[in-house]
Amino acid sequence: MKRNILAIILLCLVNVAYGQVVEYHAEWDAGVNISSPYDGLVSPTINTIHGVRFSDKVSVGAGLGVTYNGYNECALIPLYVNAKYIFLPEKKVRPFVSADIGYSAMLPKEDGYAFAGLYFSPSIGLKKGRFKFQIGYTAQQWRFTYNSSGSKYISSAGHIRFGMMF
């Protein structure tokens, strides 16, 4: 309870200090992660972000996603923090940069995999009205456990996503 009250007080202080109105921000997107030609893997992904918008340019929030990896028959579930900066507030089509960082868990088909690790996903995109398009890079760490080596791997891929911002 004390933490919630402290968070509300800090948010109000930041709001007063900058003279800005803080608004609720939400977005969702769907797309594909495309790995290297060596892997040849196209993985569908969906994501949602909920947070606050400090101005027409800056928003931060917490995100949750699901990516299905068909090669390993598992789902990677990232939980992350997102920061976004949108350029040119007076234009109809606005470019933006976005970065996600957090932790990714894995739901395996078999017991051959364990919890994953670091999740990182920078991207650039365009926003028109409520619609958005973005391209970027996604890296998710995971670990084999069935071979008792516990070797860590990083699943990396480019991504293309379409969605909406509210």
C-alpha atoms as a PDB file:
ATOM      1  CA  MET A   1       0.000   0.000   0.000  1.00  0.00           C
ATOM      2  CA  LYS A   2       2.801   2.401   0.924  1.00  0.00           C
ATOM      3  CA  ARG A   3       4.528   1.722  -2.406  1.00  0.00           C
ATOM      4  CA  ASN A   4       1.360   2.558  -4.357  1.00  0.00           C
ATOM      5  CA  ILE A   5       0.924   5.835  -2.481  1.00  0.00           C
ATOM      6  CA  LEU A   6       4.601   6.688  -3.035  1.00  0.00           C
ATOM      7  CA  ALA A   7       4.281   5.931  -6.764  1.00  0.00           C
ATOM      8  CA  ILE A   8       1.208   8.184  -7.065  1.00  0.00           C
ATOM      9  CA  ILE A   9       2.976  11.013  -5.208  1.00  0.00           C
ATOM     10  CA  LEU A  10       6.076  10.703  -7.426  1.00  0.00           C
ATOM     11  CA  LEU A  11       3.936  10.702 -10.570  1.00  0.00           C
ATOM     12  CA  CYS A  12       2.144  13.843  -9.401  1.00  0.00           C
ATOM     13  CA  LEU A  13       5.466  15.547  -8.604  1.00  0.00           C
ATOM     14  CA  VAL A  14       6.839  14.727 -12.043  1.00  0.00           C
ATOM     15  CA  ASN A  15       3.611  15.987 -13.599  1.00  0.00           C
ATOM     16  CA  VAL A  16       3.744  19.284 -11.672  1.00  0.00           C
ATOM     17  CA  ALA A  17       7.487  19.717 -12.248  1.00  0.00           C
ATOM     18  CA  TYR A  18       7.132  19.475 -16.005  1.00  0.00           C
ATOM     19  CA  GLY A  19       3.709  21.099 -16.263  1.00  0.00           C
ATOM     20  CA  GLN A  20       2.440  18.216 -18.364  1.00  0.00           C
ATOM     21  CA  VAL A  21      -0.672  16.137 -18.315  1.00  0.00           C
ATOM     22  CA  VAL A  22       0.108  12.425 -18.041  1.00  0.00           C
ATOM     23  CA  GLU A  23      -2.253  10.275 -20.115  1.00  0.00           C
ATOM     24  CA  TYR A  24      -2.862   6.542 -20.374  1.00  0.00           C
ATOM     25  CA  HIS A  25      -1.063   4.968 -23.328  1.00  0.00           C
ATOM     26  CA  ALA A  26      -1.836   1.569 -24.863  1.00  0.00           C
ATOM     27  CA  GLU A  27      -0.725  -0.196 -27.997  1.00  0.00           C
ATOM     28  CA  TRP A  28      -0.764  -3.628 -29.556  1.00  0.00           C
ATOM     29  CA  ASP A  29       0.920  -5.135 -32.553  1.00  0.00           C
ATOM     30  CA  ALA A  30       1.245  -8.380 -34.454  1.00  0.00           C
ATOM     31  CA  GLY A  31       3.856  -9.494 -36.914  1.00  0.00           C
ATOM     32  CA  VAL A  32       6.699 -11.896 -37.542  1.00  0.00           C
ATOM     33  CA  ASN A  33      10.252 -12.399 -36.348  1.00  0.00           C
ATOM     34  CA  ILE A  34      12.486 -13.431 -39.255  1.00  0.00           C
ATOM     35  CA  SER A  35      15.712 -15.213 -38.295  1.00  0.00           C
ATOM     36  CA  SER A  36      18.861 -15.606 -40.375  1.00  0.00           C
ATOM     37  CA  PRO A  37      18.708 -17.393 -43.746  1.00  0.00           C
ATOM     38  CA  TYR A  38      20.668 -20.238 -42.096  1.00  0.00           C
ATOM     39  CA  ASP A  39      17.799 -20.869 -39.667  1.00  0.00           C
ATOM     40  CA  GLY A  40      15.089 -19.926 -42.161  1.00  0.00           C
ATOM     41  CA  LEU A  41      12.581 -19.441 -39.368  1.00  0.00           C
ATOM     42  CA  VAL A  42       9.575 -17.109 -39.459  1.00  0.00           C
ATOM     43  CA  SER A  43       7.920 -16.863 -36.029  1.00  0.00           C
ATOM     44  CA  PRO A  44       4.557 -15.153 -35.467  1.00  0.00           C
ATOM     45  CA  THR A  45       4.472 -12.698 -32.579  1.00  0.00           C
ATOM     46  CA  ILE A  46       1.918 -10.528 -30.765  1.00  0.00           C
ATOM     47  CA  ASN A  47       2.621  -7.818 -28.179  1.00  0.00           C
ATOM     48  CA  THR A  48       0.777  -5.325 -26.020  1.00  0.00           C
ATOM     49  CA  ILE A  49       2.083  -2.298 -24.092  1.00  0.00           C
ATOM     50  CA  HIS A  50       0.280  -0.277 -21.414  1.00  0.00           C
ATOM     51  CA  GLY A  51       1.723   2.789 -19.711  1.00  0.00           C
ATOM     52  CA  VAL A  52       1.737   6.565 -19.689  1.00  0.00           C
ATOM     53  CA  ARG A  53       2.247   9.251 -22.320  1.00  0.00           C
ATOM     54  CA  PHE A  54       4.003  12.368 -21.061  1.00  0.00           C
ATOM     55  CA  SER A  55       3.515  14.362 -24.279  1.00  0.00           C
ATOM     56  CA  ASP A  56       2.806  13.846 -27.984  1.00  0.00           C
ATOM     57  CA  LYS A  57       6.390  12.624 -28.242  1.00  0.00           C
ATOM     58  CA  VAL A  58       7.295  10.515 -25.184  1.00  0.00           C
ATOM     59  CA  SER A  59       5.694   7.397 -23.691  1.00  0.00           C
ATOM     60  CA  VAL A  60       6.816   4.601 -21.382  1.00  0.00           C
ATOM     61  CA  GLY A  61       5.059   1.420 -20.383  1.00  0.00           C
ATOM     62  CA  ALA A  62       5.173  -2.246 -19.508  1.00  0.00           C
ATOM     63  CA  GLY A  63       4.772  -4.815 -22.242  1.00  0.00           C
ATOM     64  CA  LEU A  64       3.921  -8.474 -22.645  1.00  0.00           C
ATOM     65  CA  GLY A  65       4.247 -10.599 -25.761  1.00  0.00           C
ATOM     66  CA  VAL A  66       4.147 -14.115 -27.156  1.00  0.00           C
ATOM     67  CA  THR A  67       6.344 -15.486 -29.949  1.00  0.00           C
ATOM     68  CA  TYR A  68       5.868 -19.014 -31.264  1.00  0.00           C
ATOM     69  CA  ASN A  69       9.099 -20.748 -32.273  1.00  0.00           C
ATOM     70  CA  GLY A  70       8.080 -23.566 -34.639  1.00  0.00           C
ATOM     71  CA  TYR A  71      11.543 -25.091 -34.926  1.00  0.00           C
ATOM     72  CA  ASN A  72      11.796 -25.788 -31.172  1.00  0.00           C
ATOM     73  CA  GLU A  73       8.005 -25.974 -30.756  1.00  0.00           C
ATOM     74  CA  CYS A  74       7.922 -23.554 -27.852  1.00  0.00           C
ATOM     75  CA  ALA A  75       6.496 -20.165 -26.979  1.00  0.00           C
ATOM     76  CA  LEU A  76       8.740 -17.342 -25.789  1.00  0.00           C
ATOM     77  CA  ILE A  77       6.937 -14.897 -23.498  1.00  0.00           C
ATOM     78  CA  PRO A  78       8.751 -11.579 -22.948  1.00  0.00           C
ATOM     79  CA  LEU A  79       7.828  -9.221 -20.115  1.00  0.00           C
ATOM     80  CA  TYR A  80       9.510  -5.862 -20.676  1.00  0.00           C
ATOM     81  CA  VAL A  81       9.680  -2.105 -20.230  1.00  0.00           C
ATOM     82  CA  ASN A  82       9.125   0.009 -23.351  1.00  0.00           C
ATOM     83  CA  ALA A  83      10.266   3.562 -24.067  1.00  0.00           C
ATOM     84  CA  LYS A  84       9.131   5.359 -27.215  1.00  0.00           C
ATOM     85  CA  TYR A  85       9.974   8.724 -28.790  1.00  0.00           C
ATOM     86  CA  ILE A  86       7.785  10.002 -31.645  1.00  0.00           C
ATOM     87  CA  PHE A  87       9.177  12.722 -33.932  1.00  0.00           C
ATOM     88  CA  LEU A  88       7.401  15.571 -35.789  1.00  0.00           C
ATOM     89  CA  PRO A  89       4.227  16.109 -33.757  1.00  0.00           C
ATOM     90  CA  GLU A  90       2.680  18.388 -36.395  1.00  0.00           C
ATOM     91  CA  LYS A  91       2.906  15.889 -39.294  1.00  0.00           C
ATOM     92  CA  LYS A  92       0.339  13.257 -40.326  1.00  0.00           C
ATOM     93  CA  VAL A  93       2.944  10.502 -40.715  1.00  0.00           C
ATOM     94  CA  ARG A  94       5.326  10.500 -37.766  1.00  0.00           C
ATOM     95  CA  PRO A  95       8.525   8.437 -37.435  1.00  0.00           C
ATOM     96  CA  PHE A  96       9.384   6.937 -34.048  1.00  0.00           C
ATOM     97  CA  VAL A  97      12.078   5.006 -32.219  1.00  0.00           C
ATOM     98  CA  SER A  98      11.249   2.426 -29.599  1.00  0.00           C
ATOM     99  CA  ALA A  99      13.212   0.142 -27.273  1.00  0.00           C
ATOM    100  CA  ASP A 100      12.099  -2.815 -25.165  1.00  0.00           C
ATOM    101  CA  ILE A 101      14.212  -4.432 -22.468  1.00  0.00           C
ATOM    102  CA  GLY A 102      13.191  -7.103 -20.023  1.00  0.00           C
ATOM    103  CA  TYR A 103      13.037 -10.816 -19.359  1.00  0.00           C
ATOM    104  CA  SER A 104      11.717 -13.600 -21.563  1.00  0.00           C
ATOM    105  CA  ALA A 105      10.313 -16.891 -20.282  1.00  0.00           C
ATOM    106  CA  MET A 106       9.835 -20.039 -22.335  1.00  0.00           C
ATOM    107  CA  LEU A 107       6.925 -22.479 -22.464  1.00  0.00           C
ATOM    108  CA  PRO A 108       8.356 -25.667 -24.008  1.00  0.00           C
ATOM    109  CA  LYS A 109       6.510 -28.493 -25.694  1.00  0.00           C
ATOM    110  CA  GLU A 110       8.832 -30.897 -23.879  1.00  0.00           C
ATOM    111  CA  ASP A 111      10.983 -30.689 -20.754  1.00  0.00           C
ATOM    112  CA  GLY A 112      14.074 -29.991 -22.829  1.00  0.00           C
ATOM    113  CA  TYR A 113      14.254 -26.266 -22.176  1.00  0.00           C
ATOM    114  CA  ALA A 114      14.345 -24.026 -19.130  1.00  0.00           C
ATOM    115  CA  PHE A 115      13.495 -20.453 -18.366  1.00  0.00           C
ATOM    116  CA  ALA A 116      15.007 -17.979 -20.719  1.00  0.00           C
ATOM    117  CA  GLY A 117      16.720 -14.700 -19.894  1.00  0.00           C
ATOM    118  CA  LEU A 118      17.366 -11.232 -21.295  1.00  0.00           C
ATOM    119  CA  TYR A 119      14.975  -9.769 -23.858  1.00  0.00           C
ATOM    120  CA  PHE A 120      16.008  -6.750 -25.963  1.00  0.00           C
ATOM    121  CA  SER A 121      14.195  -5.262 -28.952  1.00  0.00           C
ATOM    122  CA  PRO A 122      15.015  -1.849 -30.491  1.00  0.00           C
ATOM    123  CA  SER A 123      12.946  -0.697 -33.470  1.00  0.00           C
ATOM    124  CA  ILE A 124      12.065   2.200 -35.751  1.00  0.00           C
ATOM    125  CA  GLY A 125       8.698   2.844 -37.297  1.00  0.00           C
ATOM    126  CA  LEU A 126       6.014   5.106 -38.686  1.00  0.00           C
ATOM    127  CA  LYS A 127       2.763   6.188 -37.034  1.00  0.00           C
ATOM    128  CA  LYS A 128      -0.233   7.573 -38.932  1.00  0.00           C
ATOM    129  CA  GLY A 129      -3.240   8.367 -36.787  1.00  0.00           C
ATOM    130  CA  ARG A 130      -3.625   5.358 -34.507  1.00  0.00           C
ATOM    131  CA  PHE A 131      -1.915   2.898 -36.869  1.00  0.00           C
ATOM    132  CA  LYS A 132       1.760   1.979 -36.692  1.00  0.00           C
ATOM    133  CA  PHE A 133       4.311  -0.011 -38.677  1.00  0.00           C
ATOM    134  CA  GLN A 134       7.718  -0.913 -37.284  1.00  0.00           C
ATOM    135  CA  ILE A 135      10.842  -2.877 -38.143  1.00  0.00           C
ATOM    136  CA  GLY A 136      13.589  -3.811 -35.752  1.00  0.00           C
ATOM    137  CA  TYR A 137      15.699  -6.450 -34.079  1.00  0.00           C
ATOM    138  CA  THR A 138      14.717  -8.889 -31.335  1.00  0.00           C
ATOM    139  CA  ALA A 139      17.104 -10.863 -29.108  1.00  0.00           C
ATOM    140  CA  GLN A 140      15.851 -13.381 -26.548  1.00  0.00           C
ATOM    141  CA  GLN A 141      18.119 -15.523 -24.389  1.00  0.00           C
ATOM    142  CA  TRP A 142      17.224 -19.133 -23.562  1.00  0.00           C
ATOM    143  CA  ARG A 143      18.930 -22.297 -22.355  1.00  0.00           C
ATOM    144  CA  PHE A 144      18.980 -26.004 -23.260  1.00  0.00           C
ATOM    145  CA  THR A 145      18.675 -28.232 -20.207  1.00  0.00           C
ATOM    146  CA  TYR A 146      18.117 -31.701 -21.639  1.00  0.00           C
ATOM    147  CA  ASN A 147      21.750 -32.212 -22.614  1.00  0.00           C
ATOM    148  CA  SER A 148      22.954 -31.294 -19.083  1.00  0.00           C
ATOM    149  CA  SER A 149      25.313 -28.701 -20.524  1.00  0.00           C
ATOM    150  CA  GLY A 150      23.001 -25.832 -19.643  1.00  0.00           C
ATOM    151  CA  SER A 151      24.329 -23.985 -22.702  1.00  0.00           C
ATOM    152  CA  LYS A 152      22.897 -20.512 -23.210  1.00  0.00           C
ATOM    153  CA  TYR A 153      21.670 -19.407 -26.619  1.00  0.00           C
ATOM    154  CA  ILE A 154      20.442 -16.109 -27.933  1.00  0.00           C
ATOM    155  CA  SER A 155      17.608 -16.260 -30.413  1.00  0.00           C
ATOM    156  CA  SER A 156      17.955 -13.199 -32.616  1.00  0.00           C
ATOM    157  CA  ALA A 157      15.814 -12.081 -35.502  1.00  0.00           C
ATOM    158  CA  GLY A 158      14.631  -9.071 -37.402  1.00  0.00           C
ATOM    159  CA  HIS A 159      10.990  -8.222 -36.918  1.00  0.00           C
ATOM    160  CA  ILE A 160       8.186  -6.591 -38.878  1.00  0.00           C
ATOM    161  CA  ARG A 161       5.051  -5.552 -36.991  1.00  0.00           C
ATOM    162  CA  PHE A 162       1.764  -3.771 -37.638  1.00  0.00           C
ATOM    163  CA  GLY A 163      -0.505  -2.439 -34.915  1.00  0.00           C
ATOM    164  CA  MET A 164      -2.319   0.411 -33.225  1.00  0.00           C
ATOM    165  CA  MET A 165      -1.559   3.034 -30.553  1.00  0.00           C
ATOM    166  CA  PHE A 166      -4.248   4.530 -28.328  1.00  0.00           C
END
